[in-house]
PDB file of N, CA and C in Angstrom:
ATOM      1  N   MET A   1     134.779  48.980 108.235  1.00  0.00           N
ATOM      2  CA  MET A   1     135.968  49.153 109.042  1.00  0.00           C
ATOM      3  C   MET A   1     136.140  50.642 109.319  1.00  0.00           C
ATOM      4  N   PRO A   2     136.394  51.009 110.563  1.00  0.00           N
ATOM      5  CA  PRO A   2     136.498  52.427 110.894  1.00  0.00           C
ATOM      6  C   PRO A   2     137.736  53.079 110.277  1.00  0.00           C
ATOM      7  N   GLU A   3     137.593  54.339 109.980  1.00  0.00           N
ATOM      8  CA  GLU A   3     138.714  55.119 109.460  1.00  0.00           C
ATOM      9  C   GLU A   3     139.463  55.762 110.631  1.00  0.00           C
ATOM     10  N   LEU A   4     140.622  56.344 110.364  1.00  0.00           N
ATOM     11  CA  LEU A   4     141.455  56.902 111.424  1.00  0.00           C
ATOM     12  C   LEU A   4     140.731  57.893 112.333  1.00  0.00           C
ATOM     13  N   PRO A   5     139.953  58.850 111.786  1.00  0.00           N
ATOM     14  CA  PRO A   5     139.271  59.790 112.682  1.00  0.00           C
ATOM     15  C   PRO A   5     138.288  59.096 113.626  1.00  0.00           C
ATOM     16  N   GLU A   6     137.644  58.041 113.158  1.00  0.00           N
ATOM     17  CA  GLU A   6     136.700  57.313 114.015  1.00  0.00           C
ATOM     18  C   GLU A   6     137.434  56.578 115.129  1.00  0.00           C
ATOM     19  N   VAL A   7     138.583  55.999 114.811  1.00  0.00           N
ATOM     20  CA  VAL A   7     139.373  55.315 115.836  1.00  0.00           C
ATOM     21  C   VAL A   7     139.845  56.326 116.877  1.00  0.00           C
ATOM     22  N   GLU A   8     140.214  57.516 116.446  1.00  0.00           N
ATOM     23  CA  GLU A   8     140.653  58.556 117.380  1.00  0.00           C
ATOM     24  C   GLU A   8     139.509  58.995 118.290  1.00  0.00           C
ATOM     25  N   VAL A   9     138.306  59.078 117.767  1.00  0.00           N
ATOM     26  CA  VAL A   9     137.141  59.428 118.589  1.00  0.00           C
ATOM     27  C   VAL A   9     136.914  58.360 119.660  1.00  0.00           C
ATOM     28  N   VAL A  10     137.022  57.103 119.289  1.00  0.00           N
ATOM     29  CA  VAL A  10     136.868  56.013 120.248  1.00  0.00           C
ATOM     30  C   VAL A  10     137.969  56.098 121.306  1.00  0.00           C
ATOM     31  N   ARG A  11     139.198  56.345 120.890  1.00  0.00           N
ATOM     32  CA  ARG A  11     140.321  56.451 121.827  1.00  0.00           C
ATOM     33  C   ARG A  11     140.080  57.552 122.857  1.00  0.00           C
ATOM     34  N   ARG A  12     139.670  58.705 122.386  1.00  0.00           N
ATOM     35  CA  ARG A  12     139.434  59.832 123.300  1.00  0.00           C
ATOM     36  C   ARG A  12     138.310  59.523 124.284  1.00  0.00           C
ATOM     37  N   GLY A  13     137.242  58.920 123.787  1.00  0.00           N
ATOM     38  CA  GLY A  13     136.121  58.577 124.666  1.00  0.00           C
ATOM     39  C   GLY A  13     136.508  57.551 125.713  1.00  0.00           C
ATOM     40  N   LEU A  14     137.240  56.519 125.304  1.00  0.00           N
ATOM     41  CA  LEU A  14     137.690  55.511 126.260  1.00  0.00           C
ATOM     42  C   LEU A  14     138.663  56.096 127.268  1.00  0.00           C
ATOM     43  N   ALA A  15     139.595  56.927 126.800  1.00  0.00           N
ATOM     44  CA  ALA A  15     140.595  57.517 127.689  1.00  0.00           C
ATOM     45  C   ALA A  15     139.928  58.279 128.823  1.00  0.00           C
ATOM     46  N   GLU A  16     138.865  58.972 128.501  1.00  0.00           N
ATOM     47  CA  GLU A  16     138.140  59.754 129.502  1.00  0.00           C
ATOM     48  C   GLU A  16     137.552  58.863 130.600  1.00  0.00           C
ATOM     49  N   HIS A  17     137.148  57.655 130.242  1.00  0.00           N
ATOM     50  CA  HIS A  17     136.446  56.782 131.175  1.00  0.00           C
ATOM     51  C   HIS A  17     137.307  55.724 131.850  1.00  0.00           C
ATOM     52  N   ILE A  18     138.397  55.284 131.210  1.00  0.00           N
ATOM     53  CA  ILE A  18     139.115  54.151 131.790  1.00  0.00           C
ATOM     54  C   ILE A  18     140.558  54.423 132.196  1.00  0.00           C
ATOM     55  N   THR A  19     141.113  55.592 131.871  1.00  0.00           N
ATOM     56  CA  THR A  19     142.474  55.890 132.299  1.00  0.00           C
ATOM     57  C   THR A  19     142.522  55.922 133.823  1.00  0.00           C
ATOM     58  N   GLY A  20     143.458  55.178 134.393  1.00  0.00           N
ATOM     59  CA  GLY A  20     143.589  55.085 135.846  1.00  0.00           C
ATOM     60  C   GLY A  20     142.829  53.924 136.455  1.00  0.00           C
ATOM     61  N   ALA A  21     141.985  53.273 135.672  1.00  0.00           N
ATOM     62  CA  ALA A  21     141.202  52.138 136.185  1.00  0.00           C
ATOM     63  C   ALA A  21     142.091  50.898 136.286  1.00  0.00           C
ATOM     64  N   THR A  22     141.730  50.010 137.199  1.00  0.00           N
ATOM     65  CA  THR A  22     142.426  48.741 137.364  1.00  0.00           C
ATOM     66  C   THR A  22     141.533  47.625 136.853  1.00  0.00           C
ATOM     67  N   ILE A  23     142.104  46.736 136.070  1.00  0.00           N
ATOM     68  CA  ILE A  23     141.367  45.591 135.537  1.00  0.00           C
ATOM     69  C   ILE A  23     141.321  44.524 136.627  1.00  0.00           C
ATOM     70  N   VAL A  24     140.135  44.208 137.113  1.00  0.00           N
ATOM     71  CA  VAL A  24     140.009  43.214 138.187  1.00  0.00           C
ATOM     72  C   VAL A  24     139.686  41.832 137.648  1.00  0.00           C
ATOM     73  N   GLY A  25     139.226  41.757 136.422  1.00  0.00           N
ATOM     74  CA  GLY A  25     138.936  40.466 135.820  1.00  0.00           C
ATOM     75  C   GLY A  25     138.578  40.643 134.362  1.00  0.00           C
ATOM     76  N   THR A  26     138.820  39.604 133.598  1.00  0.00           N
ATOM     77  CA  THR A  26     138.529  39.610 132.173  1.00  0.00           C
ATOM     78  C   THR A  26     137.930  38.274 131.793  1.00  0.00           C
ATOM     79  N   GLU A  27     136.943  38.303 130.911  1.00  0.00           N
ATOM     80  CA  GLU A  27     136.337  37.076 130.411  1.00  0.00           C
ATOM     81  C   GLU A  27     136.269  37.161 128.893  1.00  0.00           C
ATOM     82  N   VAL A  28     136.906  36.251 128.218  1.00  0.00           N
ATOM     83  CA  VAL A  28     136.849  36.195 126.758  1.00  0.00           C
ATOM     84  C   VAL A  28     135.595  35.419 126.396  1.00  0.00           C
ATOM     85  N   LEU A  29     134.686  36.056 125.653  1.00  0.00           N
ATOM     86  CA  LEU A  29     133.400  35.450 125.333  1.00  0.00           C
ATOM     87  C   LEU A  29     133.421  34.613 124.062  1.00  0.00           C
ATOM     88  N   HIS A  30     134.418  34.828 123.204  1.00  0.00           N
ATOM     89  CA  HIS A  30     134.495  34.050 121.973  1.00  0.00           C
ATOM     90  C   HIS A  30     135.963  33.858 121.623  1.00  0.00           C
ATOM     91  N   PRO A  31     136.380  32.627 121.343  1.00  0.00           N
ATOM     92  CA  PRO A  31     137.794  32.373 121.065  1.00  0.00           C
ATOM     93  C   PRO A  31     138.338  33.119 119.848  1.00  0.00           C
ATOM     94  N   ARG A  32     137.488  33.481 118.917  1.00  0.00           N
ATOM     95  CA  ARG A  32     137.950  34.211 117.737  1.00  0.00           C
ATOM     96  C   ARG A  32     138.532  35.578 118.100  1.00  0.00           C
ATOM     97  N   ALA A  33     138.065  36.148 119.200  1.00  0.00           N
ATOM     98  CA  ALA A  33     138.550  37.466 119.620  1.00  0.00           C
ATOM     99  C   ALA A  33     140.020  37.442 120.023  1.00  0.00           C
ATOM    100  N   VAL A  34     140.534  36.271 120.375  1.00  0.00           N
ATOM    101  CA  VAL A  34     141.924  36.155 120.811  1.00  0.00           C
ATOM    102  C   VAL A  34     142.696  35.142 119.972  1.00  0.00           C
ATOM    103  N   ARG A  35     142.280  34.962 118.739  1.00  0.00           N
ATOM    104  CA  ARG A  35     142.874  33.920 117.900  1.00  0.00           C
ATOM    105  C   ARG A  35     144.369  34.112 117.664  1.00  0.00           C
ATOM    106  N   ASP A  36     144.883  35.331 117.753  1.00  0.00           N
ATOM    107  CA  ASP A  36     146.308  35.572 117.556  1.00  0.00           C
ATOM    108  C   ASP A  36     147.067  35.722 118.865  1.00  0.00           C
ATOM    109  N   GLN A  37     146.391  35.533 119.982  1.00  0.00           N
ATOM    110  CA  GLN A  37     147.011  35.676 121.297  1.00  0.00           C
ATOM    111  C   GLN A  37     147.771  34.402 121.661  1.00  0.00           C
ATOM    112  N   PRO A  38     149.091  34.475 121.867  1.00  0.00           N
ATOM    113  CA  PRO A  38     149.810  33.282 122.328  1.00  0.00           C
ATOM    114  C   PRO A  38     149.236  32.812 123.667  1.00  0.00           C
ATOM    115  N   GLY A  39     148.883  31.557 123.750  1.00  0.00           N
ATOM    116  CA  GLY A  39     148.292  31.031 124.977  1.00  0.00           C
ATOM    117  C   GLY A  39     146.782  31.140 125.023  1.00  0.00           C
ATOM    118  N   GLY A  40     146.181  31.810 124.033  1.00  0.00           N
ATOM    119  CA  GLY A  40     144.731  31.908 123.935  1.00  0.00           C
ATOM    120  C   GLY A  40     144.073  32.737 125.017  1.00  0.00           C
ATOM    121  N   ALA A  41     142.796  32.441 125.247  1.00  0.00           N
ATOM    122  CA  ALA A  41     141.975  33.214 126.180  1.00  0.00           C
ATOM    123  C   ALA A  41     142.530  33.182 127.597  1.00  0.00           C
ATOM    124  N   ALA A  42     142.976  32.016 128.047  1.00  0.00           N
ATOM    125  CA  ALA A  42     143.472  31.895 129.425  1.00  0.00           C
ATOM    126  C   ALA A  42     144.677  32.808 129.665  1.00  0.00           C
ATOM    127  N   ALA A  43     145.576  32.884 128.696  1.00  0.00           N
ATOM    128  CA  ALA A  43     146.759  33.732 128.834  1.00  0.00           C
ATOM    129  C   ALA A  43     146.380  35.208 128.881  1.00  0.00           C
ATOM    130  N   LEU A  44     145.433  35.614 128.038  1.00  0.00           N
ATOM    131  CA  LEU A  44     145.004  37.014 128.042  1.00  0.00           C
ATOM    132  C   LEU A  44     144.330  37.360 129.358  1.00  0.00           C
ATOM    133  N   GLU A  45     143.420  36.522 129.809  1.00  0.00           N
ATOM    134  CA  GLU A  45     142.705  36.774 131.064  1.00  0.00           C
ATOM    135  C   GLU A  45     143.675  36.889 132.235  1.00  0.00           C
ATOM    136  N   ALA A  46     144.632  35.972 132.325  1.00  0.00           N
ATOM    137  CA  ALA A  46     145.609  36.004 133.413  1.00  0.00           C
ATOM    138  C   ALA A  46     146.545  37.209 133.287  1.00  0.00           C
ATOM    139  N   GLY A  47     146.915  37.541 132.066  1.00  0.00           N
ATOM    140  CA  GLY A  47     147.851  38.637 131.851  1.00  0.00           C
ATOM    141  C   GLY A  47     147.291  40.016 132.104  1.00  0.00           C
ATOM    142  N   LEU A  48     145.983  40.152 132.099  1.00  0.00           N
ATOM    143  CA  LEU A  48     145.365  41.459 132.345  1.00  0.00           C
ATOM    144  C   LEU A  48     144.976  41.676 133.804  1.00  0.00           C
ATOM    145  N   GLU A  49     144.943  40.621 134.584  1.00  0.00           N
ATOM    146  CA  GLU A  49     144.490  40.735 135.974  1.00  0.00           C
ATOM    147  C   GLU A  49     145.381  41.694 136.758  1.00  0.00           C
ATOM    148  N   ASP A  50     144.746  42.608 137.473  1.00  0.00           N
ATOM    149  CA  ASP A  50     145.389  43.614 138.326  1.00  0.00           C
ATOM    150  C   ASP A  50     146.169  44.680 137.566  1.00  0.00           C
ATOM    151  N   ALA A  51     146.064  44.719 136.254  1.00  0.00           N
ATOM    152  CA  ALA A  51     146.754  45.750 135.472  1.00  0.00           C
ATOM    153  C   ALA A  51     146.011  47.070 135.615  1.00  0.00           C
ATOM    154  N   ARG A  52     146.761  48.147 135.724  1.00  0.00           N
ATOM    155  CA  ARG A  52     146.171  49.484 135.776  1.00  0.00           C
ATOM    156  C   ARG A  52     146.383  50.135 134.420  1.00  0.00           C
ATOM    157  N   ILE A  53     145.341  50.758 133.898  1.00  0.00           N
ATOM    158  CA  ILE A  53     145.396  51.416 132.591  1.00  0.00           C
ATOM    159  C   ILE A  53     145.992  52.804 132.791  1.00  0.00           C
ATOM    160  N   THR A  54     147.138  53.044 132.168  1.00  0.00           N
ATOM    161  CA  THR A  54     147.821  54.324 132.365  1.00  0.00           C
ATOM    162  C   THR A  54     147.611  55.300 131.214  1.00  0.00           C
ATOM    163  N   ALA A  55     147.346  54.793 130.030  1.00  0.00           N
ATOM    164  CA  ALA A  55     147.147  55.680 128.880  1.00  0.00           C
ATOM    165  C   ALA A  55     146.538  54.900 127.726  1.00  0.00           C
ATOM    166  N   LEU A  56     145.877  55.627 126.853  1.00  0.00           N
ATOM    167  CA  LEU A  56     145.362  55.050 125.608  1.00  0.00           C
ATOM    168  C   LEU A  56     145.981  55.821 124.464  1.00  0.00           C
ATOM    169  N   ARG A  57     146.602  55.083 123.555  1.00  0.00           N
ATOM    170  CA  ARG A  57     147.226  55.691 122.385  1.00  0.00           C
ATOM    171  C   ARG A  57     146.659  55.039 121.136  1.00  0.00           C
ATOM    172  N   ARG A  58     146.895  55.688 120.019  1.00  0.00           N
ATOM    173  CA  ARG A  58     146.457  55.124 118.739  1.00  0.00           C
ATOM    174  C   ARG A  58     147.659  55.047 117.829  1.00  0.00           C
ATOM    175  N   ARG A  59     147.796  53.925 117.154  1.00  0.00           N
ATOM    176  CA  ARG A  59     148.820  53.755 116.131  1.00  0.00           C
ATOM    177  C   ARG A  59     148.081  53.240 114.909  1.00  0.00           C
ATOM    178  N   GLY A  60     147.901  54.114 113.935  1.00  0.00           N
ATOM    179  CA  GLY A  60     147.103  53.747 112.773  1.00  0.00           C
ATOM    180  C   GLY A  60     145.676  53.456 113.217  1.00  0.00           C
ATOM    181  N   LYS A  61     145.168  52.290 112.855  1.00  0.00           N
ATOM    182  CA  LYS A  61     143.800  51.914 113.228  1.00  0.00           C
ATOM    183  C   LYS A  61     143.761  51.014 114.457  1.00  0.00           C
ATOM    184  N   TYR A  62     144.877  50.941 115.187  1.00  0.00           N
ATOM    185  CA  TYR A  62     144.939  50.128 116.403  1.00  0.00           C
ATOM    186  C   TYR A  62     144.945  51.005 117.640  1.00  0.00           C
ATOM    187  N   LEU A  63     144.293  50.541 118.692  1.00  0.00           N
ATOM    188  CA  LEU A  63     144.353  51.191 119.998  1.00  0.00           C
ATOM    189  C   LEU A  63     145.393  50.468 120.840  1.00  0.00           C
ATOM    190  N   TRP A  64     146.249  51.229 121.490  1.00  0.00           N
ATOM    191  CA  TRP A  64     147.251  50.688 122.409  1.00  0.00           C
ATOM    192  C   TRP A  64     146.842  51.146 123.794  1.00  0.00           C
ATOM    193  N   ILE A  65     146.506  50.203 124.651  1.00  0.00           N
ATOM    194  CA  ILE A  65     146.125  50.523 126.025  1.00  0.00           C
ATOM    195  C   ILE A  65     147.320  50.181 126.903  1.00  0.00           C
ATOM    196  N   ASP A  66     148.023  51.211 127.378  1.00  0.00           N
ATOM    197  CA  ASP A  66     149.226  51.018 128.192  1.00  0.00           C
ATOM    198  C   ASP A  66     148.844  50.517 129.578  1.00  0.00           C
ATOM    199  N   LEU A  67     149.616  49.535 130.063  1.00  0.00           N
ATOM    200  CA  LEU A  67     149.325  48.882 131.335  1.00  0.00           C
ATOM    201  C   LEU A  67     150.482  49.024 132.311  1.00  0.00           C
ATOM    202  N   GLU A  68     150.123  49.081 133.589  1.00  0.00           N
ATOM    203  CA  GLU A  68     151.086  49.112 134.681  1.00  0.00           C
ATOM    204  C   GLU A  68     150.621  48.080 135.692  1.00  0.00           C
ATOM    205  N   TYR A  69     151.549  47.380 136.287  1.00  0.00           N
ATOM    206  CA  TYR A  69     151.206  46.323 137.244  1.00  0.00           C
ATOM    207  C   TYR A  69     151.724  46.684 138.626  1.00  0.00           C
ATOM    208  N   PRO A  70     151.006  46.257 139.679  1.00  0.00           N
ATOM    209  CA  PRO A  70     151.493  46.491 141.032  1.00  0.00           C
ATOM    210  C   PRO A  70     152.775  45.697 141.267  1.00  0.00           C
ATOM    211  N   ARG A  71     153.540  46.101 142.254  1.00  0.00           N
ATOM    212  CA  ARG A  71     154.778  45.370 142.584  1.00  0.00           C
ATOM    213  C   ARG A  71     154.463  43.900 142.830  1.00  0.00           C
ATOM    214  N   GLY A  72     155.292  43.046 142.259  1.00  0.00           N
ATOM    215  CA  GLY A  72     155.075  41.614 142.404  1.00  0.00           C
ATOM    216  C   GLY A  72     154.163  41.044 141.331  1.00  0.00           C
ATOM    217  N   GLY A  73     153.587  41.912 140.497  1.00  0.00           N
ATOM    218  CA  GLY A  73     152.701  41.431 139.437  1.00  0.00           C
ATOM    219  C   GLY A  73     153.472  41.196 138.159  1.00  0.00           C
ATOM    220  N   GLN A  74     152.815  41.354 137.035  1.00  0.00           N
ATOM    221  CA  GLN A  74     153.414  41.097 135.727  1.00  0.00           C
ATOM    222  C   GLN A  74     154.580  42.038 135.433  1.00  0.00           C
ATOM    223  N   GLY A  75     154.509  43.241 135.954  1.00  0.00           N
ATOM    224  CA  GLY A  75     155.553  44.225 135.664  1.00  0.00           C
ATOM    225  C   GLY A  75     156.400  44.508 136.888  1.00  0.00           C
ATOM    226  N   SER A  76     157.105  45.608 136.848  1.00  0.00           N
ATOM    227  CA  SER A  76     158.021  45.921 137.934  1.00  0.00           C
ATOM    228  C   SER A  76     157.609  47.164 138.689  1.00  0.00           C
ATOM    229  N   GLY A  77     156.345  47.476 138.730  1.00  0.00           N
ATOM    230  CA  GLY A  77     155.920  48.652 139.482  1.00  0.00           C
ATOM    231  C   GLY A  77     155.432  49.752 138.569  1.00  0.00           C
ATOM    232  N   GLN A  78     156.304  50.697 138.230  1.00  0.00           N
ATOM    233  CA  GLN A  78     155.864  51.875 137.503  1.00  0.00           C
ATOM    234  C   GLN A  78     155.408  51.592 136.079  1.00  0.00           C
ATOM    235  N   SER A  79     156.236  51.005 135.276  1.00  0.00           N
ATOM    236  CA  SER A  79     155.859  50.774 133.888  1.00  0.00           C
ATOM    237  C   SER A  79     156.330  49.391 133.465  1.00  0.00           C
ATOM    238  N   SER A  80     155.413  48.632 132.932  1.00  0.00           N
ATOM    239  CA  SER A  80     155.759  47.265 132.552  1.00  0.00           C
ATOM    240  C   SER A  80     156.196  47.171 131.100  1.00  0.00           C
ATOM    241  N   GLY A  81     155.954  48.215 130.316  1.00  0.00           N
ATOM    242  CA  GLY A  81     156.244  48.137 128.904  1.00  0.00           C
ATOM    243  C   GLY A  81     155.251  47.254 128.159  1.00  0.00           C
ATOM    244  N   ARG A  82     154.159  46.899 128.817  1.00  0.00           N
ATOM    245  CA  ARG A  82     153.148  46.041 128.200  1.00  0.00           C
ATOM    246  C   ARG A  82     151.918  46.870 127.857  1.00  0.00           C
ATOM    247  N   CYS A  83     151.194  46.393 126.854  1.00  0.00           N
ATOM    248  CA  CYS A  83     149.961  47.067 126.487  1.00  0.00           C
ATOM    249  C   CYS A  83     148.981  46.043 125.953  1.00  0.00           C
ATOM    250  N   LEU A  84     147.730  46.445 125.911  1.00  0.00           N
ATOM    251  CA  LEU A  84     146.687  45.650 125.279  1.00  0.00           C
ATOM    252  C   LEU A  84     146.462  46.284 123.913  1.00  0.00           C
ATOM    253  N   LEU A  85     146.623  45.502 122.871  1.00  0.00           N
ATOM    254  CA  LEU A  85     146.464  45.977 121.506  1.00  0.00           C
ATOM    255  C   LEU A  85     145.070  45.607 121.028  1.00  0.00           C
ATOM    256  N   VAL A  86     144.311  46.604 120.556  1.00  0.00           N
ATOM    257  CA  VAL A  86     142.917  46.389 120.166  1.00  0.00           C
ATOM    258  C   VAL A  86     142.691  46.913 118.756  1.00  0.00           C
ATOM    259  N   HIS A  87     142.025  46.104 117.938  1.00  0.00           N
ATOM    260  CA  HIS A  87     141.555  46.547 116.633  1.00  0.00           C
ATOM    261  C   HIS A  87     140.031  46.549 116.698  1.00  0.00           C
ATOM    262  N   LEU A  88     139.410  47.591 116.224  1.00  0.00           N
ATOM    263  CA  LEU A  88     137.967  47.742 116.370  1.00  0.00           C
ATOM    264  C   LEU A  88     137.152  46.901 115.394  1.00  0.00           C
ATOM    265  N   GLY A  89     137.811  46.204 114.491  1.00  0.00           N
ATOM    266  CA  GLY A  89     137.087  45.312 113.591  1.00  0.00           C
ATOM    267  C   GLY A  89     136.151  46.060 112.664  1.00  0.00           C
ATOM    268  N   MET A  90     135.088  45.402 112.287  1.00  0.00           N
ATOM    269  CA  MET A  90     134.140  45.985 111.341  1.00  0.00           C
ATOM    270  C   MET A  90     133.175  46.971 111.992  1.00  0.00           C
ATOM    271  N   SER A  91     132.889  46.773 113.277  1.00  0.00           N
ATOM    272  CA  SER A  91     131.892  47.617 113.936  1.00  0.00           C
ATOM    273  C   SER A  91     132.421  49.007 114.240  1.00  0.00           C
ATOM    274  N   GLY A  92     133.707  49.113 114.543  1.00  0.00           N
ATOM    275  CA  GLY A  92     134.264  50.407 114.918  1.00  0.00           C
ATOM    276  C   GLY A  92     133.856  50.823 116.309  1.00  0.00           C
ATOM    277  N   GLN A  93     133.451  49.875 117.149  1.00  0.00           N
ATOM    278  CA  GLN A  93     132.963  50.208 118.481  1.00  0.00           C
ATOM    279  C   GLN A  93     133.742  49.473 119.564  1.00  0.00           C
ATOM    280  N   MET A  94     133.809  50.104 120.715  1.00  0.00           N
ATOM    281  CA  MET A  94     134.264  49.459 121.934  1.00  0.00           C
ATOM    282  C   MET A  94     133.318  49.994 122.999  1.00  0.00           C
ATOM    283  N   LEU A  95     132.522  49.105 123.574  1.00  0.00           N
ATOM    284  CA  LEU A  95     131.451  49.521 124.461  1.00  0.00           C
ATOM    285  C   LEU A  95     131.823  49.329 125.924  1.00  0.00           C
ATOM    286  N   LEU A  96     131.372  50.252 126.768  1.00  0.00           N
ATOM    287  CA  LEU A  96     131.556  50.151 128.210  1.00  0.00           C
ATOM    288  C   LEU A  96     130.216  49.810 128.845  1.00  0.00           C
ATOM    289  N   GLY A  97     130.235  48.934 129.827  1.00  0.00           N
ATOM    290  CA  GLY A  97     128.996  48.571 130.510  1.00  0.00           C
ATOM    291  C   GLY A  97     129.295  47.764 131.750  1.00  0.00           C
ATOM    292  N   GLU A  98     128.256  47.458 132.480  1.00  0.00           N
ATOM    293  CA  GLU A  98     128.383  46.651 133.690  1.00  0.00           C
ATOM    294  C   GLU A  98     128.620  45.196 133.310  1.00  0.00           C
ATOM    295  N   PRO A  99     129.331  44.444 134.151  1.00  0.00           N
ATOM    296  CA  PRO A  99     129.537  43.022 133.871  1.00  0.00           C
ATOM    297  C   PRO A  99     128.203  42.293 133.704  1.00  0.00           C
ATOM    298  N   GLY A 100     128.159  41.382 132.762  1.00  0.00           N
ATOM    299  CA  GLY A 100     126.954  40.580 132.532  1.00  0.00           C
ATOM    300  C   GLY A 100     125.924  41.253 131.641  1.00  0.00           C
ATOM    301  N   GLN A 101     126.238  42.378 131.040  1.00  0.00           N
ATOM    302  CA  GLN A 101     125.266  43.091 130.205  1.00  0.00           C
ATOM    303  C   GLN A 101     125.416  42.798 128.724  1.00  0.00           C
ATOM    304  N   VAL A 102     125.994  41.681 128.364  1.00  0.00           N
ATOM    305  CA  VAL A 102     126.119  41.333 126.945  1.00  0.00           C
ATOM    306  C   VAL A 102     124.725  41.046 126.426  1.00  0.00           C
ATOM    307  N   THR A 103     124.296  41.816 125.424  1.00  0.00           N
ATOM    308  CA  THR A 103     122.922  41.694 124.930  1.00  0.00           C
ATOM    309  C   THR A 103     122.842  41.083 123.545  1.00  0.00           C
ATOM    310  N   SER A 104     123.978  40.755 122.969  1.00  0.00           N
ATOM    311  CA  SER A 104     123.987  40.215 121.622  1.00  0.00           C
ATOM    312  C   SER A 104     125.143  39.236 121.494  1.00  0.00           C
ATOM    313  N   PRO A 105     124.951  38.180 120.740  1.00  0.00           N
ATOM    314  CA  PRO A 105     126.063  37.244 120.547  1.00  0.00           C
ATOM    315  C   PRO A 105     127.201  37.847 119.726  1.00  0.00           C
ATOM    316  N   HIS A 106     126.986  39.026 119.135  1.00  0.00           N
ATOM    317  CA  HIS A 106     127.998  39.653 118.299  1.00  0.00           C
ATOM    318  C   HIS A 106     128.848  40.673 119.044  1.00  0.00           C
ATOM    319  N   LEU A 107     128.575  40.890 120.324  1.00  0.00           N
ATOM    320  CA  LEU A 107     129.377  41.843 121.102  1.00  0.00           C
ATOM    321  C   LEU A 107     130.595  41.162 121.662  1.00  0.00           C
TER     322      LEU A 107
END
């Protein structure tokens, strides 16, 4: 399990690459990844669509990815007060890549 400095390194690296990006689609590859999500995979996938990533923060060993939605979407324009909460698990990694590049059943 990653320690706080490792989580901060991941946060900084992700912030550099995804801040300002818009989520156009999400696919949950394993139900265990969303086992605590109310509504399961379908709710997470629908709830992230069209969200713009405004900031990445860290609270302890969790990453908080702040989201903003376009008018008429999940939020009210500027700030929805919603975020994606991520725990890095045992690997301590969050990888960026092109869609369809899953190379291992453990990713």
